[in-house]
Amino acid sequence: MQTLRYMATSAFGLESVVKREAANMGFKDLKVSDGRVCFDAGLEALPKANLRFRCAERVLLVLGEFTALSFDDLFEGVKALPWEQWITKDGRIAVTGSSVQSRLYSVSDCQSIIKKAIVERLKLTYKTRWFDETGPEYKIRAALLRDVASITLDTSGAGLHKRGYRAVAGDAPLKETLAAALVSLSYWRKDRVLLDPVCGSGTICVEAAMIAKNIAPGLSRKFSAEEWPQIDSKLWKDARKEAYAAIDVNFRPEIYGSDIDERVIEIAKANASKAGVDDCARFERKPLEDVTLPKDYGVAICNPPYGERLGLSEEIEKLYKDMGGIFGANKTWSFYALTNCEYFEKLYGRRADAKRKIYNGGMKTDFYQFYGERPARGHLT
């Protein structure tokens, strides 16, 4: 079976999380660089990767990489790639691009040249001078970095954060992929209680519940590559069948979310229901100062309001101080918060045990990690 080169893209700072996901799925020859994890696998990996990646943004097929110092280099390099293996005669071609520290800095010109090169190659294959472009969509992504062009084909379509369960979000929603990554970066285990005390539309809680019940995040949506005739529909059916069989339908993790806003609590409940985790992700309206810890040895993970996003500075500072008072007072609880506040530790009242830089929608944030005591061996939480 043909071996293909895949690229799973990620937010900056989450590459190691995506690499771990890829390894757990059995993918080999993993190579990590800024915002991407590449691996080799057969065609059967394409549905599996799209269905099961929780923290990656997209799954791309790497068609080629080459040096492009001129527009002629770019045209010839793209034209030399085997487009006829993927794009049908009636395929709809869309090209997006980026250019960083490259001589070919005009992205719009590069896009035009790339599409022209693809069409010229397909003209020779299909013996035609005109393409209707009424069939499946093929999104080509071209990234030029330091004069090296990376040409990929997007198999996902809409970003992988589009799980299908979140029809409505709060005022400053956290991407589902980032929420899943925060859970993965914590020391939370599915047999321990999890709490988000400022849950908004409930994304962290829903993603944690899906992880605990082993629900593949892409089961409720479609992907661009499902329309491609080159990929046998049986591969998609088999991948979905396998994913459904892996769900732990009987497990009930203890996951709680609360927020002062009744409106977002109702949204969170609807999201949990649509995701199929309303039996274990429980939400209630409650201001932070009224939050009580349901039992010892729990884990709190949250994405509190940022000063540049919501609310007033004094309100946010009080919120952060209240968090320290609630979670810092119980040595058995671990607390994790994603924020852009550079003096969060001072407000929380304790130096973080670890801090990780993560870019949230282009904004630099830090994931502050405060570790609680671990339960004794055999302790039931």
Protein backbone atom coordinates (compact mmCIF):
# COMPACT_ATOMS: atom_id res chain seq x y z
CA MET A 1 0.00 0.00 0.00
CA GLN A 2 1.26 3.49 -0.88
CA THR A 3 2.84 5.43 1.97
CA LEU A 4 1.73 9.04 2.19
CA ARG A 5 3.18 11.99 4.07
CA TYR A 6 0.71 13.70 6.41
CA MET A 7 0.90 16.97 8.28
CA ALA A 8 -1.21 17.65 11.37
CA THR A 9 -1.21 21.37 12.10
CA SER A 10 -1.55 22.79 15.60
CA ALA A 11 -1.55 26.00 17.58
CA PHE A 12 1.96 27.11 18.53
CA GLY A 13 2.88 25.53 21.84
CA LEU A 14 0.81 22.39 21.36
CA GLU A 15 3.07 20.47 18.98
CA SER A 16 4.12 17.95 21.64
CA VAL A 17 0.49 17.22 22.48
CA VAL A 18 -0.35 16.54 18.84
CA LYS A 19 2.78 14.40 18.49
CA ARG A 20 1.65 12.28 21.45
CA GLU A 21 -1.78 11.87 19.86
CA ALA A 22 -0.20 10.76 16.57
CA ALA A 23 2.02 8.25 18.37
CA ASN A 24 -0.95 6.87 20.31
CA MET A 25 -2.76 6.30 17.00
CA GLY A 26 0.20 4.24 15.81
CA PHE A 27 1.59 6.69 13.26
CA LYS A 28 5.33 6.45 12.57
CA ASP A 29 8.27 8.62 11.52
CA LEU A 30 7.01 11.61 13.50
CA LYS A 31 8.74 14.92 12.81
CA VAL A 32 7.86 18.07 14.74
CA SER A 33 8.36 21.70 13.73
CA ASP A 34 6.61 24.96 14.58
CA GLY A 35 2.86 24.44 14.37
CA ARG A 36 3.03 21.07 12.64
CA VAL A 37 3.61 17.36 13.18
CA CYS A 38 4.41 15.22 10.12
CA PHE A 39 4.09 11.45 9.90
CA ASP A 40 4.00 8.66 7.32
CA ALA A 41 1.06 6.30 6.91
CA GLY A 42 -1.15 4.65 4.32
CA LEU A 43 -4.39 5.96 2.89
CA GLU A 44 -6.39 4.25 5.64
CA ALA A 45 -4.88 6.70 8.11
CA LEU A 46 -6.66 9.65 6.50
CA PRO A 47 -10.14 8.92 7.96
CA LYS A 48 -8.68 7.78 11.27
CA ALA A 49 -6.61 10.93 11.72
CA ASN A 50 -9.51 13.26 10.91
CA LEU A 51 -11.91 11.42 13.20
CA ARG A 52 -9.61 11.02 16.19
CA PHE A 53 -7.22 13.97 16.46
CA ARG A 54 -8.44 16.06 19.39
CA CYS A 55 -5.82 18.81 19.49
CA ALA A 56 -4.69 19.18 15.86
CA GLU A 57 -6.22 21.91 13.71
CA ARG A 58 -6.20 20.13 10.34
CA VAL A 59 -4.92 17.02 8.60
CA LEU A 60 -3.05 17.83 5.39
CA LEU A 61 -1.52 15.64 2.71
CA VAL A 62 2.02 16.76 1.90
CA LEU A 63 2.34 16.65 -1.89
CA GLY A 64 5.74 18.24 -2.19
CA GLU A 65 8.41 20.56 -0.85
CA PHE A 66 10.96 22.42 -2.97
CA THR A 67 13.01 25.58 -3.15
CA ALA A 68 11.27 28.46 -4.94
CA LEU A 69 13.44 31.51 -5.54
CA SER A 70 11.34 32.78 -8.45
CA PHE A 71 7.81 32.50 -9.81
CA ASP A 72 9.16 30.17 -12.49
CA ASP A 73 10.54 27.88 -9.77
CA LEU A 74 7.16 27.90 -8.07
CA PHE A 75 5.24 27.17 -11.28
CA GLU A 76 7.48 24.31 -12.36
CA GLY A 77 7.67 22.83 -8.87
CA VAL A 78 3.89 22.75 -8.52
CA LYS A 79 3.33 21.49 -12.06
CA ALA A 80 5.66 18.55 -11.42
CA LEU A 81 3.44 17.22 -8.62
CA PRO A 82 0.97 14.36 -9.36
CA TRP A 83 -2.25 16.36 -9.13
CA GLU A 84 -4.15 13.88 -11.31
CA GLN A 85 -3.89 11.33 -8.50
CA TRP A 86 -6.16 13.49 -6.38
CA ILE A 87 -8.08 16.11 -8.35
CA THR A 88 -10.94 14.96 -10.54
CA LYS A 89 -11.75 16.46 -13.93
CA ASP A 90 -14.65 18.41 -12.39
CA GLY A 91 -12.83 19.22 -9.14
CA ARG A 92 -13.16 22.66 -7.57
CA ILE A 93 -9.71 24.04 -6.86
CA ALA A 94 -9.09 26.63 -4.14
CA VAL A 95 -5.62 27.84 -3.17
CA THR A 96 -4.62 29.58 0.04
CA GLY A 97 -1.12 30.58 0.98
CA SER A 98 1.34 32.25 3.29
CA SER A 99 4.85 33.62 2.89
CA VAL A 100 7.39 34.18 5.65
CA GLN A 101 10.95 35.39 5.03
CA SER A 102 10.76 34.40 1.36
CA ARG A 103 11.61 36.21 -1.86
CA LEU A 104 8.13 35.40 -3.18
CA TYR A 105 6.32 37.60 -0.68
CA SER A 106 3.16 38.35 -2.71
CA VAL A 107 0.73 35.68 -1.52
CA SER A 108 -1.94 36.58 -4.07
CA ASP A 109 0.53 36.22 -6.97
CA CYS A 110 1.72 32.88 -5.58
CA GLN A 111 -1.86 31.63 -5.33
CA SER A 112 -2.57 32.53 -8.96
CA ILE A 113 0.62 30.86 -10.19
CA ILE A 114 -0.05 27.70 -8.17
CA LYS A 115 -3.57 27.30 -9.54
CA LYS A 116 -2.35 27.96 -13.07
CA ALA A 117 0.34 25.28 -12.68
CA ILE A 118 -2.18 22.75 -11.36
CA VAL A 119 -4.58 23.44 -14.25
CA GLU A 120 -1.79 23.11 -16.81
CA ARG A 121 -0.87 19.70 -15.39
CA LEU A 122 -4.50 18.55 -15.39
CA LYS A 123 -5.03 19.73 -18.98
CA LEU A 124 -2.42 17.22 -20.10
CA THR A 125 -3.99 14.42 -18.05
CA TYR A 126 -7.63 14.99 -18.95
CA LYS A 127 -7.03 16.19 -22.55
CA THR A 128 -9.18 19.26 -22.13
CA ARG A 129 -8.77 23.01 -22.11
CA TRP A 130 -11.73 23.77 -19.84
CA PHE A 131 -12.75 22.57 -16.39
CA ASP A 132 -16.28 23.05 -15.07
CA GLU A 133 -15.25 22.84 -11.39
CA THR A 134 -18.65 21.51 -10.31
CA GLY A 135 -17.39 18.45 -8.41
CA PRO A 136 -15.62 17.84 -5.08
CA GLU A 137 -13.66 20.66 -3.50
CA TYR A 138 -9.86 20.45 -3.25
CA LYS A 139 -8.23 23.03 -1.00
CA ILE A 140 -4.53 23.47 -1.67
CA ARG A 141 -2.42 25.16 0.98
CA ALA A 142 0.93 26.65 0.02
CA ALA A 143 3.34 27.79 2.71
CA LEU A 144 6.57 29.52 1.74
CA LEU A 145 9.11 29.67 4.55
CA ARG A 146 12.62 30.93 3.90
CA ASP A 147 12.22 30.26 0.15
CA VAL A 148 11.03 26.66 0.63
CA ALA A 149 7.54 25.96 -0.69
CA SER A 150 5.45 23.35 1.11
CA ILE A 151 2.45 22.28 -0.97
CA THR A 152 -0.31 20.43 0.84
CA LEU A 153 -3.87 19.25 0.22
CA ASP A 154 -6.39 19.89 3.00
CA THR A 155 -8.32 16.70 3.82
CA SER A 156 -10.33 18.17 6.70
CA GLY A 157 -12.25 21.07 5.19
CA ALA A 158 -13.58 22.98 8.18
CA GLY A 159 -11.03 23.06 11.01
CA LEU A 160 -10.99 20.05 13.31
CA HIS A 161 -12.22 22.24 16.18
CA LYS A 162 -15.60 22.14 14.42
CA ARG A 163 -16.84 19.07 16.29
CA GLY A 164 -20.50 19.69 15.52
CA TYR A 165 -21.79 19.96 19.08
CA ARG A 166 -21.34 23.69 19.64
CA ALA A 167 -24.05 25.49 17.71
CA VAL A 168 -23.79 28.53 19.99
CA ALA A 169 -20.80 29.76 21.99
CA GLY A 170 -20.21 32.33 24.70
CA ASP A 171 -18.71 35.77 24.23
CA ALA A 172 -15.07 34.62 24.17
CA PRO A 173 -15.18 30.94 23.19
CA LEU A 174 -12.23 28.62 23.59
CA LYS A 175 -11.55 26.45 20.57
CA GLU A 176 -12.46 22.82 21.14
CA THR A 177 -8.99 21.70 20.05
CA LEU A 178 -7.32 23.99 22.59
CA ALA A 179 -9.72 22.93 25.32
CA ALA A 180 -8.86 19.28 24.67
CA ALA A 181 -5.16 20.17 24.76
CA LEU A 182 -5.51 21.86 28.17
CA VAL A 183 -7.11 18.70 29.53
CA SER A 184 -4.37 16.58 27.97
CA LEU A 185 -1.65 18.78 29.48
CA SER A 186 -3.08 18.47 32.98
CA TYR A 187 -2.56 15.54 35.31
CA TRP A 188 -6.28 14.81 35.31
CA ARG A 189 -7.30 11.18 35.12
CA LYS A 190 -10.81 10.17 34.23
CA ASP A 191 -11.42 8.63 37.66
CA ARG A 192 -10.82 11.98 39.38
CA VAL A 193 -13.29 14.83 39.65
CA LEU A 194 -12.82 17.75 37.21
CA LEU A 195 -14.17 21.26 37.69
CA ASP A 196 -14.25 24.37 35.54
CA PRO A 197 -15.41 27.22 37.82
CA VAL A 198 -15.75 29.76 34.97
CA CYS A 199 -16.96 27.34 32.33
CA GLY A 200 -18.67 29.67 29.86
CA SER A 201 -20.26 27.50 27.17
CA GLY A 202 -18.71 24.40 28.74
CA THR A 203 -16.07 23.48 26.17
CA ILE A 204 -13.41 22.26 28.62
CA CYS A 205 -15.95 20.09 30.46
CA VAL A 206 -17.39 18.64 27.25
CA GLU A 207 -13.96 17.85 25.83
CA ALA A 208 -12.89 16.22 29.12
CA ALA A 209 -16.02 14.06 29.11
CA MET A 210 -15.38 13.01 25.51
CA ILE A 211 -11.82 12.05 26.44
CA ALA A 212 -13.01 10.08 29.47
CA LYS A 213 -15.63 8.19 27.45
CA ASN A 214 -13.26 7.82 24.46
CA ILE A 215 -15.64 9.53 22.05
CA ALA A 216 -13.80 10.38 18.82
CA PRO A 217 -14.21 14.16 18.33
CA GLY A 218 -14.98 13.95 14.60
CA LEU A 219 -17.82 11.43 14.72
CA SER A 220 -20.58 14.01 14.28
CA ARG A 221 -19.19 15.88 11.27
CA LYS A 222 -18.08 15.47 7.66
CA PHE A 223 -14.71 16.09 6.06
CA SER A 224 -13.71 17.38 2.61
CA ALA A 225 -11.92 14.16 1.68
CA GLU A 226 -15.13 12.17 2.11
CA GLU A 227 -16.23 13.58 -1.25
CA TRP A 228 -13.08 12.47 -3.04
CA PRO A 229 -13.71 9.42 -5.25
CA GLN A 230 -10.07 8.35 -4.88
CA ILE A 231 -10.80 7.32 -1.28
CA ASP A 232 -13.00 4.25 -0.96
CA SER A 233 -16.05 5.07 1.18
CA LYS A 234 -15.45 1.78 3.00
CA LEU A 235 -12.38 3.32 4.63
CA TRP A 236 -14.56 6.01 6.19
CA LYS A 237 -17.24 3.51 7.23
CA ASP A 238 -14.70 1.20 8.81
CA ALA A 239 -13.00 4.07 10.66
CA ARG A 240 -16.32 5.30 12.04
CA LYS A 241 -17.39 1.80 12.99
CA GLU A 242 -14.14 1.29 14.88
CA ALA A 243 -14.51 4.65 16.62
CA TYR A 244 -18.08 3.94 17.72
CA ALA A 245 -17.06 0.52 19.06
CA ALA A 246 -14.32 2.16 21.16
CA ILE A 247 -16.71 4.43 23.10
CA ASP A 248 -16.99 3.56 26.80
CA VAL A 249 -20.76 3.98 27.07
CA ASN A 250 -20.92 2.81 30.70
CA PHE A 251 -18.29 5.09 32.22
CA ARG A 252 -19.56 8.14 34.12
CA PRO A 253 -16.79 10.60 35.02
CA GLU A 254 -17.50 13.37 37.53
CA ILE A 255 -17.23 16.63 35.64
CA TYR A 256 -18.67 19.93 36.86
CA GLY A 257 -18.91 23.36 35.31
CA SER A 258 -20.22 26.58 36.81
CA ASP A 259 -20.53 30.18 35.72
CA ILE A 260 -22.21 33.33 36.95
CA ASP A 261 -24.04 33.77 33.63
CA GLU A 262 -27.27 31.77 33.37
CA ARG A 263 -27.32 32.24 29.59
CA VAL A 264 -24.00 30.47 28.99
CA ILE A 265 -24.93 27.71 31.44
CA GLU A 266 -27.93 26.86 29.28
CA ILE A 267 -25.65 26.86 26.23
CA ALA A 268 -23.23 24.54 28.03
CA LYS A 269 -26.03 22.12 28.86
CA ALA A 270 -27.17 22.11 25.22
CA ASN A 271 -23.60 21.52 24.01
CA ALA A 272 -23.12 18.62 26.43
CA SER A 273 -26.39 17.07 25.30
CA LYS A 274 -25.48 17.35 21.63
CA ALA A 275 -22.03 15.86 22.31
CA GLY A 276 -23.63 12.93 24.13
CA VAL A 277 -22.01 13.65 27.50
CA ASP A 278 -24.86 15.28 29.42
CA ASP A 279 -24.92 12.22 31.68
CA CYS A 280 -21.56 13.18 33.18
CA ALA A 281 -20.87 16.86 32.42
CA ARG A 282 -23.05 18.79 34.87
CA PHE A 283 -23.51 22.56 34.82
CA GLU A 284 -25.02 25.07 37.22
CA ARG A 285 -25.18 28.82 37.62
CA LYS A 286 -22.91 29.82 40.48
CA PRO A 287 -20.60 32.80 41.06
CA LEU A 288 -16.98 31.86 41.71
CA GLU A 289 -17.05 32.93 45.36
CA ASP A 290 -19.78 30.35 46.03
CA VAL A 291 -17.89 27.44 44.46
CA THR A 292 -17.21 24.53 46.82
CA LEU A 293 -14.97 21.57 46.07
CA PRO A 294 -17.05 18.38 45.82
CA LYS A 295 -14.29 16.09 47.15
CA ASP A 296 -10.53 15.92 47.61
CA TYR A 297 -7.93 15.17 44.93
CA GLY A 298 -9.74 16.98 42.15
CA VAL A 299 -8.49 18.96 39.18
CA ALA A 300 -9.68 22.41 38.11
CA ILE A 301 -9.01 23.56 34.55
CA CYS A 302 -10.24 26.91 33.32
CA ASN A 303 -9.92 29.65 30.73
CA PRO A 304 -10.85 32.72 32.81
CA PRO A 305 -11.62 36.12 31.30
CA TYR A 306 -8.60 38.03 30.03
CA GLY A 307 -8.12 41.73 30.59
CA GLU A 308 -8.02 42.36 26.83
CA ARG A 309 -11.16 40.34 26.16
CA LEU A 310 -13.89 40.69 28.76
CA GLY A 311 -14.83 42.55 31.90
CA LEU A 312 -13.04 45.21 33.93
CA SER A 313 -9.53 44.91 35.26
CA GLU A 314 -10.58 45.14 38.92
CA GLU A 315 -13.20 42.45 38.44
CA ILE A 316 -10.72 40.13 36.79
CA GLU A 317 -8.10 40.69 39.48
CA LYS A 318 -10.67 39.84 42.16
CA LEU A 319 -11.61 36.71 40.18
CA TYR A 320 -7.99 35.56 40.12
CA LYS A 321 -7.57 36.24 43.85
CA ASP A 322 -10.75 34.29 44.60
CA MET A 323 -9.38 31.35 42.62
CA GLY A 324 -6.30 31.30 44.82
CA GLY A 325 -8.44 31.43 47.93
CA ILE A 326 -10.62 28.51 46.85
CA PHE A 327 -8.18 26.14 45.17
CA GLY A 328 -5.01 27.17 46.99
CA ALA A 329 -6.63 26.38 50.33
CA ASN A 330 -7.00 22.67 49.51
CA LYS A 331 -3.59 21.05 49.04
CA THR A 332 -5.10 18.00 47.34
CA TRP A 333 -6.46 19.98 44.38
CA SER A 334 -4.52 20.78 41.22
CA PHE A 335 -5.38 24.01 39.43
CA TYR A 336 -4.72 25.00 35.80
CA ALA A 337 -5.53 28.34 34.16
CA LEU A 338 -4.93 29.77 30.69
CA THR A 339 -4.57 33.55 30.73
CA ASN A 340 -2.53 36.37 29.27
CA CYS A 341 -2.12 38.03 32.67
CA GLU A 342 1.62 38.20 33.31
CA TYR A 343 1.17 38.65 37.07
CA PHE A 344 -1.43 35.92 37.52
CA GLU A 345 0.75 34.10 40.09
CA LYS A 346 0.88 37.20 42.29
CA LEU A 347 -2.91 37.49 42.27
CA TYR A 348 -3.39 33.75 42.80
CA GLY A 349 -1.04 33.90 45.76
CA ARG A 350 1.44 31.22 44.79
CA ARG A 351 4.17 30.59 42.27
CA ALA A 352 3.12 28.12 39.58
CA ASP A 353 4.81 24.73 39.53
CA ALA A 354 4.99 25.00 35.74
CA LYS A 355 4.07 27.49 33.04
CA ARG A 356 3.62 26.78 29.34
CA LYS A 357 3.42 29.34 26.53
CA ILE A 358 0.45 28.73 24.21
CA TYR A 359 -0.92 30.92 21.44
CA ASN A 360 -4.69 31.24 21.68
CA GLY A 361 -6.02 32.67 18.42
CA GLY A 362 -2.74 34.48 17.83
CA MET A 363 -2.63 35.89 21.37
CA LYS A 364 0.27 34.83 23.58
CA THR A 365 -1.03 33.25 26.75
CA ASP A 366 0.42 31.14 29.54
CA PHE A 367 -0.97 27.90 30.92
CA TYR A 368 -0.33 28.19 34.67
CA GLN A 369 -0.08 24.85 36.46
CA PHE A 370 -0.39 24.44 40.23
CA TYR A 371 0.01 20.84 41.34
CA GLY A 372 -1.86 19.41 44.30
CA GLU A 373 -0.93 16.41 46.38
CA ARG A 374 -1.38 13.09 44.65
CA PRO A 375 -3.82 10.61 46.15
CA ALA A 376 -2.33 7.67 48.01
CA ARG A 377 -2.05 4.43 46.05
CA GLY A 378 -5.42 2.72 46.02
CA HIS A 379 -7.26 5.89 47.09
CA LEU A 380 -10.68 6.05 45.45
CA THR A 381 -11.66 9.52 44.26
